[in-house]
Amino acid sequence: MIHILYFKRKNFTYTLPAEVATSFFSRVRGLMGTKPGTVPGMLLVPCNAVHMFHMYYPLAISYLLKDGTVFHQEVLHPWQIGNTYKEAYAVLEIPLDLPSPEIGDVLLYW
């Protein structure tokens, strides 16, 4: 199910469609095995690290604090393993061809 995520950047709010994975199995699966364009993105909650096993395309990865603030980003390619951040509460995976949040943006609602 696609949710609309609301992010605040300075003085405006923008939306971003994504699936939200909250169960153990949905977080482990993530976007594994999907093809570009089939899923706009995925928010993994709770999560502090991701892997790109069985992925076919690169992703922009945003790490979020518990208050929803994006504090780190990286681009991962198939078969890479991302960094682990103990302070991360959630991770947002977005295909590179779609806009993604910037460091300092705040997730308001999902």
C-alpha atoms as a PDB file:
ATOM      1  CA  MET A   1       0.000   0.000   0.000  1.00  0.00           C
ATOM      2  CA  ILE A   2       1.363   3.383  -0.990  1.00  0.00           C
ATOM      3  CA  HIS A   3       1.317   6.090   1.674  1.00  0.00           C
ATOM      4  CA  ILE A   4       1.929   9.793   1.243  1.00  0.00           C
ATOM      5  CA  LEU A   5       4.836  10.977   3.392  1.00  0.00           C
ATOM      6  CA  TYR A   6       4.896  14.651   4.375  1.00  0.00           C
ATOM      7  CA  PHE A   7       8.275  16.360   4.730  1.00  0.00           C
ATOM      8  CA  LYS A   8       8.964  19.871   5.939  1.00  0.00           C
ATOM      9  CA  ARG A   9      11.817  21.825   4.356  1.00  0.00           C
ATOM     10  CA  LYS A  10      12.324  25.312   5.701  1.00  0.00           C
ATOM     11  CA  ASN A  11       9.008  27.124   5.099  1.00  0.00           C
ATOM     12  CA  PHE A  12       7.147  24.612   2.956  1.00  0.00           C
ATOM     13  CA  THR A  13       5.833  21.074   3.095  1.00  0.00           C
ATOM     14  CA  TYR A  14       6.145  18.589   0.237  1.00  0.00           C
ATOM     15  CA  THR A  15       4.792  15.095  -0.296  1.00  0.00           C
ATOM     16  CA  LEU A  16       6.507  11.880  -1.275  1.00  0.00           C
ATOM     17  CA  PRO A  17       4.734   8.598  -2.098  1.00  0.00           C
ATOM     18  CA  ALA A  18       6.221   5.477  -0.512  1.00  0.00           C
ATOM     19  CA  GLU A  19       5.355   2.129   0.986  1.00  0.00           C
ATOM     20  CA  VAL A  20       5.796   1.899   4.749  1.00  0.00           C
ATOM     21  CA  ALA A  21       7.359  -1.303   6.107  1.00  0.00           C
ATOM     22  CA  THR A  22       6.810  -1.873   9.817  1.00  0.00           C
ATOM     23  CA  SER A  23       6.839  -5.674  10.168  1.00  0.00           C
ATOM     24  CA  PHE A  24      10.064  -7.662  10.433  1.00  0.00           C
ATOM     25  CA  PHE A  25       9.539  -9.447   7.117  1.00  0.00           C
ATOM     26  CA  SER A  26       8.504  -6.339   5.175  1.00  0.00           C
ATOM     27  CA  ARG A  27      11.604  -4.501   6.442  1.00  0.00           C
ATOM     28  CA  VAL A  28      13.926  -7.403   5.525  1.00  0.00           C
ATOM     29  CA  ARG A  29      12.363  -7.608   2.069  1.00  0.00           C
ATOM     30  CA  GLY A  30      12.386  -3.834   1.497  1.00  0.00           C
ATOM     31  CA  LEU A  31      12.573  -3.158  -2.237  1.00  0.00           C
ATOM     32  CA  MET A  32      14.409  -6.438  -2.909  1.00  0.00           C
ATOM     33  CA  GLY A  33      13.452  -7.963  -6.237  1.00  0.00           C
ATOM     34  CA  THR A  34      11.493  -4.929  -7.442  1.00  0.00           C
ATOM     35  CA  LYS A  35      12.087  -3.241 -10.779  1.00  0.00           C
ATOM     36  CA  PRO A  36      12.597   0.514 -11.256  1.00  0.00           C
ATOM     37  CA  GLY A  37       9.304   2.365 -11.498  1.00  0.00           C
ATOM     38  CA  THR A  38       7.191  -0.289  -9.747  1.00  0.00           C
ATOM     39  CA  VAL A  39       7.451   1.211  -6.227  1.00  0.00           C
ATOM     40  CA  PRO A  40       8.178   4.908  -5.648  1.00  0.00           C
ATOM     41  CA  GLY A  41      10.079   4.305  -2.400  1.00  0.00           C
ATOM     42  CA  MET A  42       9.951   2.611   0.978  1.00  0.00           C
ATOM     43  CA  LEU A  43      10.123   3.837   4.554  1.00  0.00           C
ATOM     44  CA  LEU A  44      11.502   1.168   6.925  1.00  0.00           C
ATOM     45  CA  VAL A  45      10.431   1.683  10.560  1.00  0.00           C
ATOM     46  CA  PRO A  46      12.219   0.935  12.842  1.00  0.00           C
ATOM     47  CA  CYS A  47      15.496   0.563  10.974  1.00  0.00           C
ATOM     48  CA  ASN A  48      19.097   1.734  11.315  1.00  0.00           C
ATOM     49  CA  ALA A  49      20.855  -0.035   8.405  1.00  0.00           C
ATOM     50  CA  VAL A  50      20.064  -1.426   4.947  1.00  0.00           C
ATOM     51  CA  HIS A  51      21.550  -3.804   2.406  1.00  0.00           C
ATOM     52  CA  MET A  52      21.195  -3.950  -1.364  1.00  0.00           C
ATOM     53  CA  PHE A  53      21.170  -7.741  -1.795  1.00  0.00           C
ATOM     54  CA  HIS A  54      19.010  -8.870  -4.733  1.00  0.00           C
ATOM     55  CA  MET A  55      18.526  -5.281  -5.927  1.00  0.00           C
ATOM     56  CA  TYR A  56      18.622  -4.336  -9.609  1.00  0.00           C
ATOM     57  CA  TYR A  57      19.019  -0.557  -9.380  1.00  0.00           C
ATOM     58  CA  PRO A  58      20.691   2.014  -7.090  1.00  0.00           C
ATOM     59  CA  LEU A  59      18.845   3.829  -4.310  1.00  0.00           C
ATOM     60  CA  ALA A  60      19.172   7.102  -2.430  1.00  0.00           C
ATOM     61  CA  ILE A  61      19.131   6.177   1.253  1.00  0.00           C
ATOM     62  CA  SER A  62      18.039   8.699   3.904  1.00  0.00           C
ATOM     63  CA  TYR A  63      18.528   7.962   7.604  1.00  0.00           C
ATOM     64  CA  LEU A  64      16.017   9.583   9.980  1.00  0.00           C
ATOM     65  CA  LEU A  65      16.145  10.329  13.693  1.00  0.00           C
ATOM     66  CA  LYS A  66      13.198   9.449  15.932  1.00  0.00           C
ATOM     67  CA  ASP A  67      11.827  12.999  15.506  1.00  0.00           C
ATOM     68  CA  GLY A  68      11.805  12.462  11.705  1.00  0.00           C
ATOM     69  CA  THR A  69      14.826  14.621  10.839  1.00  0.00           C
ATOM     70  CA  VAL A  70      16.990  13.367   7.958  1.00  0.00           C
ATOM     71  CA  PHE A  71      20.545  13.355   9.364  1.00  0.00           C
ATOM     72  CA  HIS A  72      22.512  11.319   6.819  1.00  0.00           C
ATOM     73  CA  GLN A  73      22.211  10.237   3.198  1.00  0.00           C
ATOM     74  CA  GLU A  74      24.093   7.907   0.891  1.00  0.00           C
ATOM     75  CA  VAL A  75      23.687   6.287  -2.511  1.00  0.00           C
ATOM     76  CA  LEU A  76      23.885   2.499  -2.559  1.00  0.00           C
ATOM     77  CA  HIS A  77      24.244   0.259  -5.586  1.00  0.00           C
ATOM     78  CA  PRO A  78      23.188  -3.386  -5.967  1.00  0.00           C
ATOM     79  CA  TRP A  79      24.956  -5.764  -3.559  1.00  0.00           C
ATOM     80  CA  GLN A  80      26.354  -3.004  -1.340  1.00  0.00           C
ATOM     81  CA  ILE A  81      25.770  -2.772   2.412  1.00  0.00           C
ATOM     82  CA  GLY A  82      24.934   0.602   3.917  1.00  0.00           C
ATOM     83  CA  ASN A  83      26.345   2.094   7.072  1.00  0.00           C
ATOM     84  CA  THR A  84      24.736   1.371  10.431  1.00  0.00           C
ATOM     85  CA  TYR A  85      23.704   4.335  12.577  1.00  0.00           C
ATOM     86  CA  LYS A  86      22.658   3.571  16.147  1.00  0.00           C
ATOM     87  CA  GLU A  87      20.763   6.864  16.340  1.00  0.00           C
ATOM     88  CA  ALA A  88      18.675   6.113  13.228  1.00  0.00           C
ATOM     89  CA  TYR A  89      15.027   5.314  13.855  1.00  0.00           C
ATOM     90  CA  ALA A  90      13.941   4.891  10.232  1.00  0.00           C
ATOM     91  CA  VAL A  91      15.415   4.598   6.751  1.00  0.00           C
ATOM     92  CA  LEU A  92      13.895   5.884   3.528  1.00  0.00           C
ATOM     93  CA  GLU A  93      14.834   4.153   0.253  1.00  0.00           C
ATOM     94  CA  ILE A  94      14.122   6.111  -2.944  1.00  0.00           C
ATOM     95  CA  PRO A  95      15.129   5.228  -6.539  1.00  0.00           C
ATOM     96  CA  LEU A  96      17.715   7.699  -7.845  1.00  0.00           C
ATOM     97  CA  ASP A  97      15.443   9.008 -10.600  1.00  0.00           C
ATOM     98  CA  LEU A  98      12.931  10.344  -8.034  1.00  0.00           C
ATOM     99  CA  PRO A  99      13.328  13.374  -5.757  1.00  0.00           C
ATOM    100  CA  SER A 100      14.349  12.531  -2.216  1.00  0.00           C
ATOM    101  CA  PRO A 101      14.562  14.536   1.009  1.00  0.00           C
ATOM    102  CA  GLU A 102      17.642  16.535   1.928  1.00  0.00           C
ATOM    103  CA  ILE A 103      19.597  16.513   5.169  1.00  0.00           C
ATOM    104  CA  GLY A 104      17.649  18.602   7.678  1.00  0.00           C
ATOM    105  CA  ASP A 105      14.214  17.884   6.162  1.00  0.00           C
ATOM    106  CA  VAL A 106      11.719  16.555   8.722  1.00  0.00           C
ATOM    107  CA  LEU A 107       9.203  13.758   8.184  1.00  0.00           C
ATOM    108  CA  LEU A 108       5.948  15.111   9.606  1.00  0.00           C
ATOM    109  CA  TYR A 109       3.520  12.273   8.965  1.00  0.00           C
ATOM    110  CA  TRP A 110       3.216   8.857   7.332  1.00  0.00           C
END
